[in-house]
Amino acid sequence: MKQEFSVKGMSCNHCVARIEEAVGRISGVKKVKVQLKKEKAVVKFDEANVQATEICQAINELGYQAEVI
């Protein structure tokens, strides 16, 4: 599945790298692309292994505000 997430609170490319690294480590996530200027993340993942809410939670735990769009 491919899902877009709104991500608020990013200010630089380091923020992008932190999110891509953290989400990329989640079992079942296949690809992560974070877009700083658009304040969003696009994640491809296997729904059998991970849910969108878990991805949001991982981003939120880093100090950003994520939600499914």
PDB file of N, CA and C in Angstrom:
ATOM      1  N   MET A   1       0.846  -1.182   0.000  1.00  0.00           N
ATOM      2  CA  MET A   1       0.000   0.000   0.000  1.00  0.00           C
ATOM      3  C   MET A   1       0.888   1.242   0.000  1.00  0.00           C
ATOM      4  N   LYS A   2       0.416   2.288  -0.642  1.00  0.00           N
ATOM      5  CA  LYS A   2       1.103   3.575  -0.657  1.00  0.00           C
ATOM      6  C   LYS A   2       0.205   4.572   0.065  1.00  0.00           C
ATOM      7  N   GLN A   3       0.763   5.269   1.066  1.00  0.00           N
ATOM      8  CA  GLN A   3      -0.028   6.195   1.871  1.00  0.00           C
ATOM      9  C   GLN A   3       0.726   7.506   2.039  1.00  0.00           C
ATOM     10  N   GLU A   4      -0.016   8.620   1.980  1.00  0.00           N
ATOM     11  CA  GLU A   4       0.567   9.935   2.228  1.00  0.00           C
ATOM     12  C   GLU A   4       0.239  10.371   3.647  1.00  0.00           C
ATOM     13  N   PHE A   5       1.209  11.051   4.259  1.00  0.00           N
ATOM     14  CA  PHE A   5       1.058  11.574   5.610  1.00  0.00           C
ATOM     15  C   PHE A   5       1.416  13.052   5.601  1.00  0.00           C
ATOM     16  N   SER A   6       0.623  13.857   6.298  1.00  0.00           N
ATOM     17  CA  SER A   6       0.979  15.243   6.543  1.00  0.00           C
ATOM     18  C   SER A   6       1.946  15.234   7.722  1.00  0.00           C
ATOM     19  N   VAL A   7       3.054  15.966   7.599  1.00  0.00           N
ATOM     20  CA  VAL A   7       4.041  16.013   8.683  1.00  0.00           C
ATOM     21  C   VAL A   7       4.360  17.474   8.989  1.00  0.00           C
ATOM     22  N   LYS A   8       3.945  17.937  10.149  1.00  0.00           N
ATOM     23  CA  LYS A   8       4.194  19.316  10.587  1.00  0.00           C
ATOM     24  C   LYS A   8       5.370  19.340  11.561  1.00  0.00           C
ATOM     25  N   GLY A   9       6.090  20.451  11.561  1.00  0.00           N
ATOM     26  CA  GLY A   9       7.171  20.633  12.519  1.00  0.00           C
ATOM     27  C   GLY A   9       8.566  20.412  11.958  1.00  0.00           C
ATOM     28  N   MET A  10       8.681  20.068  10.685  1.00  0.00           N
ATOM     29  CA  MET A  10      10.004  19.885  10.076  1.00  0.00           C
ATOM     30  C   MET A  10      10.571  21.252   9.702  1.00  0.00           C
ATOM     31  N   SER A  11      11.888  21.426   9.909  1.00  0.00           N
ATOM     32  CA  SER A  11      12.498  22.707   9.584  1.00  0.00           C
ATOM     33  C   SER A  11      13.728  22.606   8.684  1.00  0.00           C
ATOM     34  N   CYS A  12      14.263  21.379   8.505  1.00  0.00           N
ATOM     35  CA  CYS A  12      15.498  21.251   7.727  1.00  0.00           C
ATOM     36  C   CYS A  12      15.646  19.827   7.184  1.00  0.00           C
ATOM     37  N   ASN A  13      16.705  19.621   6.421  1.00  0.00           N
ATOM     38  CA  ASN A  13      16.953  18.299   5.846  1.00  0.00           C
ATOM     39  C   ASN A  13      17.310  17.263   6.898  1.00  0.00           C
ATOM     40  N   HIS A  14      17.819  17.710   8.041  1.00  0.00           N
ATOM     41  CA  HIS A  14      18.089  16.766   9.136  1.00  0.00           C
ATOM     42  C   HIS A  14      16.773  16.156   9.623  1.00  0.00           C
ATOM     43  N   CYS A  15      15.728  16.956   9.687  1.00  0.00           N
ATOM     44  CA  CYS A  15      14.401  16.453  10.074  1.00  0.00           C
ATOM     45  C   CYS A  15      13.951  15.373   9.087  1.00  0.00           C
ATOM     46  N   VAL A  16      14.129  15.644   7.816  1.00  0.00           N
ATOM     47  CA  VAL A  16      13.761  14.690   6.766  1.00  0.00           C
ATOM     48  C   VAL A  16      14.513  13.376   6.966  1.00  0.00           C
ATOM     49  N   ALA A  17      15.811  13.468   7.189  1.00  0.00           N
ATOM     50  CA  ALA A  17      16.639  12.269   7.362  1.00  0.00           C
ATOM     51  C   ALA A  17      16.218  11.475   8.594  1.00  0.00           C
ATOM     52  N   ARG A  18      15.902  12.159   9.693  1.00  0.00           N
ATOM     53  CA  ARG A  18      15.469  11.472  10.918  1.00  0.00           C
ATOM     54  C   ARG A  18      14.193  10.682  10.676  1.00  0.00           C
ATOM     55  N   ILE A  19      13.236  11.298   9.997  1.00  0.00           N
ATOM     56  CA  ILE A  19      11.961  10.630   9.737  1.00  0.00           C
ATOM     57  C   ILE A  19      12.168   9.453   8.784  1.00  0.00           C
ATOM     58  N   GLU A  20      12.906   9.674   7.701  1.00  0.00           N
ATOM     59  CA  GLU A  20      13.133   8.590   6.740  1.00  0.00           C
ATOM     60  C   GLU A  20      13.841   7.410   7.399  1.00  0.00           C
ATOM     61  N   GLU A  21      14.798   7.684   8.273  1.00  0.00           N
ATOM     62  CA  GLU A  21      15.521   6.609   8.954  1.00  0.00           C
ATOM     63  C   GLU A  21      14.610   5.851   9.917  1.00  0.00           C
ATOM     64  N   ALA A  22      13.858   6.583  10.736  1.00  0.00           N
ATOM     65  CA  ALA A  22      12.991   5.945  11.732  1.00  0.00           C
ATOM     66  C   ALA A  22      11.883   5.125  11.080  1.00  0.00           C
ATOM     67  N   VAL A  23      11.222   5.690  10.089  1.00  0.00           N
ATOM     68  CA  VAL A  23      10.130   4.979   9.423  1.00  0.00           C
ATOM     69  C   VAL A  23      10.688   3.814   8.603  1.00  0.00           C
ATOM     70  N   GLY A  24      11.839   4.006   7.996  1.00  0.00           N
ATOM     71  CA  GLY A  24      12.459   2.952   7.203  1.00  0.00           C
ATOM     72  C   GLY A  24      12.838   1.720   8.009  1.00  0.00           C
ATOM     73  N   ARG A  25      13.026   1.878   9.313  1.00  0.00           N
ATOM     74  CA  ARG A  25      13.378   0.749  10.183  1.00  0.00           C
ATOM     75  C   ARG A  25      12.164  -0.078  10.596  1.00  0.00           C
ATOM     76  N   ILE A  26      10.963   0.429  10.362  1.00  0.00           N
ATOM     77  CA  ILE A  26       9.751  -0.292  10.764  1.00  0.00           C
ATOM     78  C   ILE A  26       9.573  -1.509   9.857  1.00  0.00           C
ATOM     79  N   SER A  27       9.341  -2.651  10.474  1.00  0.00           N
ATOM     80  CA  SER A  27       9.132  -3.888   9.720  1.00  0.00           C
ATOM     81  C   SER A  27       7.903  -3.746   8.828  1.00  0.00           C
ATOM     82  N   GLY A  28       8.057  -4.036   7.556  1.00  0.00           N
ATOM     83  CA  GLY A  28       6.953  -3.941   6.611  1.00  0.00           C
ATOM     84  C   GLY A  28       7.004  -2.701   5.740  1.00  0.00           C
ATOM     85  N   VAL A  29       7.817  -1.709   6.121  1.00  0.00           N
ATOM     86  CA  VAL A  29       7.956  -0.497   5.314  1.00  0.00           C
ATOM     87  C   VAL A  29       8.937  -0.785   4.185  1.00  0.00           C
ATOM     88  N   LYS A  30       8.504  -0.476   2.962  1.00  0.00           N
ATOM     89  CA  LYS A  30       9.319  -0.757   1.779  1.00  0.00           C
ATOM     90  C   LYS A  30      10.055   0.476   1.267  1.00  0.00           C
ATOM     91  N   LYS A  31       9.410   1.655   1.346  1.00  0.00           N
ATOM     92  CA  LYS A  31      10.009   2.878   0.812  1.00  0.00           C
ATOM     93  C   LYS A  31       9.438   4.081   1.548  1.00  0.00           C
ATOM     94  N   VAL A  32      10.305   5.062   1.807  1.00  0.00           N
ATOM     95  CA  VAL A  32       9.889   6.293   2.487  1.00  0.00           C
ATOM     96  C   VAL A  32      10.454   7.477   1.718  1.00  0.00           C
ATOM     97  N   LYS A  33       9.616   8.462   1.433  1.00  0.00           N
ATOM     98  CA  LYS A  33      10.061   9.697   0.789  1.00  0.00           C
ATOM     99  C   LYS A  33       9.418  10.860   1.537  1.00  0.00           C
ATOM    100  N   VAL A  34      10.252  11.669   2.180  1.00  0.00           N
ATOM    101  CA  VAL A  34       9.761  12.822   2.934  1.00  0.00           C
ATOM    102  C   VAL A  34      10.061  14.081   2.132  1.00  0.00           C
ATOM    103  N   GLN A  35       9.049  14.950   2.017  1.00  0.00           N
ATOM    104  CA  GLN A  35       9.187  16.196   1.262  1.00  0.00           C
ATOM    105  C   GLN A  35       9.035  17.370   2.222  1.00  0.00           C
ATOM    106  N   LEU A  36      10.156  18.035   2.507  1.00  0.00           N
ATOM    107  CA  LEU A  36      10.191  19.129   3.473  1.00  0.00           C
ATOM    108  C   LEU A  36       9.267  20.276   3.077  1.00  0.00           C
ATOM    109  N   LYS A  37       9.387  20.761   1.850  1.00  0.00           N
ATOM    110  CA  LYS A  37       8.604  21.925   1.420  1.00  0.00           C
ATOM    111  C   LYS A  37       7.108  21.648   1.373  1.00  0.00           C
ATOM    112  N   LYS A  38       6.730  20.428   1.041  1.00  0.00           N
ATOM    113  CA  LYS A  38       5.309  20.071   0.971  1.00  0.00           C
ATOM    114  C   LYS A  38       4.769  19.584   2.313  1.00  0.00           C
ATOM    115  N   GLU A  39       5.661  19.443   3.301  1.00  0.00           N
ATOM    116  CA  GLU A  39       5.299  18.959   4.636  1.00  0.00           C
ATOM    117  C   GLU A  39       4.536  17.642   4.566  1.00  0.00           C
ATOM    118  N   LYS A  40       5.106  16.698   3.825  1.00  0.00           N
ATOM    119  CA  LYS A  40       4.450  15.397   3.737  1.00  0.00           C
ATOM    120  C   LYS A  40       5.456  14.272   3.577  1.00  0.00           C
ATOM    121  N   ALA A  41       4.968  13.076   3.848  1.00  0.00           N
ATOM    122  CA  ALA A  41       5.749  11.860   3.654  1.00  0.00           C
ATOM    123  C   ALA A  41       4.900  10.895   2.847  1.00  0.00           C
ATOM    124  N   VAL A  42       5.534  10.180   1.942  1.00  0.00           N
ATOM    125  CA  VAL A  42       4.871   9.137   1.170  1.00  0.00           C
ATOM    126  C   VAL A  42       5.566   7.830   1.536  1.00  0.00           C
ATOM    127  N   VAL A  43       4.769   6.871   2.009  1.00  0.00           N
ATOM    128  CA  VAL A  43       5.332   5.617   2.494  1.00  0.00           C
ATOM    129  C   VAL A  43       4.668   4.444   1.781  1.00  0.00           C
ATOM    130  N   LYS A  44       5.496   3.546   1.256  1.00  0.00           N
ATOM    131  CA  LYS A  44       5.000   2.278   0.700  1.00  0.00           C
ATOM    132  C   LYS A  44       5.257   1.217   1.755  1.00  0.00           C
ATOM    133  N   PHE A  45       4.207   0.459   2.090  1.00  0.00           N
ATOM    134  CA  PHE A  45       4.363  -0.550   3.130  1.00  0.00           C
ATOM    135  C   PHE A  45       3.418  -1.717   2.915  1.00  0.00           C
ATOM    136  N   ASP A  46       3.719  -2.811   3.598  1.00  0.00           N
ATOM    137  CA  ASP A  46       2.922  -4.030   3.545  1.00  0.00           C
ATOM    138  C   ASP A  46       1.926  -3.988   4.700  1.00  0.00           C
ATOM    139  N   GLU A  47       0.642  -3.883   4.367  1.00  0.00           N
ATOM    140  CA  GLU A  47      -0.402  -3.784   5.397  1.00  0.00           C
ATOM    141  C   GLU A  47      -0.473  -5.007   6.303  1.00  0.00           C
ATOM    142  N   ALA A  48       0.069  -6.117   5.868  1.00  0.00           N
ATOM    143  CA  ALA A  48       0.064  -7.322   6.697  1.00  0.00           C
ATOM    144  C   ALA A  48       1.037  -7.188   7.870  1.00  0.00           C
ATOM    145  N   ASN A  49       2.030  -6.299   7.731  1.00  0.00           N
ATOM    146  CA  ASN A  49       3.056  -6.152   8.766  1.00  0.00           C
ATOM    147  C   ASN A  49       2.956  -4.874   9.576  1.00  0.00           C
ATOM    148  N   VAL A  50       2.396  -3.819   9.005  1.00  0.00           N
ATOM    149  CA  VAL A  50       2.355  -2.524   9.689  1.00  0.00           C
ATOM    150  C   VAL A  50       1.126  -1.748   9.223  1.00  0.00           C
ATOM    151  N   GLN A  51       0.598  -0.921  10.104  1.00  0.00           N
ATOM    152  CA  GLN A  51      -0.563  -0.087   9.791  1.00  0.00           C
ATOM    153  C   GLN A  51      -0.144   1.382   9.734  1.00  0.00           C
ATOM    154  N   ALA A  52      -0.929   2.193   9.055  1.00  0.00           N
ATOM    155  CA  ALA A  52      -0.636   3.619   8.924  1.00  0.00           C
ATOM    156  C   ALA A  52      -0.560   4.301  10.285  1.00  0.00           C
ATOM    157  N   THR A  53      -1.374   3.871  11.229  1.00  0.00           N
ATOM    158  CA  THR A  53      -1.346   4.479  12.566  1.00  0.00           C
ATOM    159  C   THR A  53       0.002   4.259  13.250  1.00  0.00           C
ATOM    160  N   GLU A  54       0.629   3.116  13.008  1.00  0.00           N
ATOM    161  CA  GLU A  54       1.947   2.837  13.594  1.00  0.00           C
ATOM    162  C   GLU A  54       3.012   3.748  12.987  1.00  0.00           C
ATOM    163  N   ILE A  55       2.875   4.041  11.711  1.00  0.00           N
ATOM    164  CA  ILE A  55       3.818   4.941  11.045  1.00  0.00           C
ATOM    165  C   ILE A  55       3.650   6.352  11.596  1.00  0.00           C
ATOM    166  N   CYS A  56       2.413   6.800  11.763  1.00  0.00           N
ATOM    167  CA  CYS A  56       2.144   8.109  12.375  1.00  0.00           C
ATOM    168  C   CYS A  56       2.755   8.182  13.766  1.00  0.00           C
ATOM    169  N   GLN A  57       2.565   7.147  14.541  1.00  0.00           N
ATOM    170  CA  GLN A  57       3.085   7.114  15.906  1.00  0.00           C
ATOM    171  C   GLN A  57       4.610   7.237  15.912  1.00  0.00           C
ATOM    172  N   ALA A  58       5.279   6.542  15.014  1.00  0.00           N
ATOM    173  CA  ALA A  58       6.745   6.611  14.938  1.00  0.00           C
ATOM    174  C   ALA A  58       7.210   8.031  14.623  1.00  0.00           C
ATOM    175  N   ILE A  59       6.508   8.712  13.727  1.00  0.00           N
ATOM    176  CA  ILE A  59       6.860  10.095  13.378  1.00  0.00           C
ATOM    177  C   ILE A  59       6.574  11.020  14.556  1.00  0.00           C
ATOM    178  N   ASN A  60       5.432  10.831  15.198  1.00  0.00           N
ATOM    179  CA  ASN A  60       5.067  11.662  16.347  1.00  0.00           C
ATOM    180  C   ASN A  60       6.055  11.501  17.496  1.00  0.00           C
ATOM    181  N   GLU A  61       6.576  10.298  17.688  1.00  0.00           N
ATOM    182  CA  GLU A  61       7.548  10.050  18.761  1.00  0.00           C
ATOM    183  C   GLU A  61       8.856  10.804  18.536  1.00  0.00           C
ATOM    184  N   LEU A  62       9.114  11.217  17.304  1.00  0.00           N
ATOM    185  CA  LEU A  62      10.300  12.018  16.994  1.00  0.00           C
ATOM    186  C   LEU A  62      10.071  13.500  17.290  1.00  0.00           C
ATOM    187  N   GLY A  63       8.829  13.872  17.607  1.00  0.00           N
ATOM    188  CA  GLY A  63       8.525  15.260  17.930  1.00  0.00           C
ATOM    189  C   GLY A  63       7.822  16.029  16.830  1.00  0.00           C
ATOM    190  N   TYR A  64       7.380  15.341  15.791  1.00  0.00           N
ATOM    191  CA  TYR A  64       6.654  15.977  14.693  1.00  0.00           C
ATOM    192  C   TYR A  64       5.175  15.629  14.818  1.00  0.00           C
ATOM    193  N   GLN A  65       4.335  16.302  14.051  1.00  0.00           N
ATOM    194  CA  GLN A  65       2.904  16.022  14.076  1.00  0.00           C
ATOM    195  C   GLN A  65       2.515  15.401  12.740  1.00  0.00           C
ATOM    196  N   ALA A  66       2.196  14.113  12.784  1.00  0.00           N
ATOM    197  CA  ALA A  66       1.864  13.382  11.558  1.00  0.00           C
ATOM    198  C   ALA A  66       0.420  12.917  11.581  1.00  0.00           C
ATOM    199  N   GLU A  67      -0.190  12.923  10.406  1.00  0.00           N
ATOM    200  CA  GLU A  67      -1.531  12.355  10.252  1.00  0.00           C
ATOM    201  C   GLU A  67      -1.701  11.866   8.828  1.00  0.00           C
ATOM    202  N   VAL A  68      -2.565  10.885   8.675  1.00  0.00           N
ATOM    203  CA  VAL A  68      -2.855  10.320   7.361  1.00  0.00           C
ATOM    204  C   VAL A  68      -3.640  11.338   6.547  1.00  0.00           C
ATOM    205  N   ILE A  69      -3.278  11.493   5.266  1.00  0.00           N
ATOM    206  CA  ILE A  69      -4.054  12.388   4.388  1.00  0.00           C
ATOM    207  C   ILE A  69      -4.536  11.618   3.175  1.00  0.00           C
TER     208      ILE A  69
END
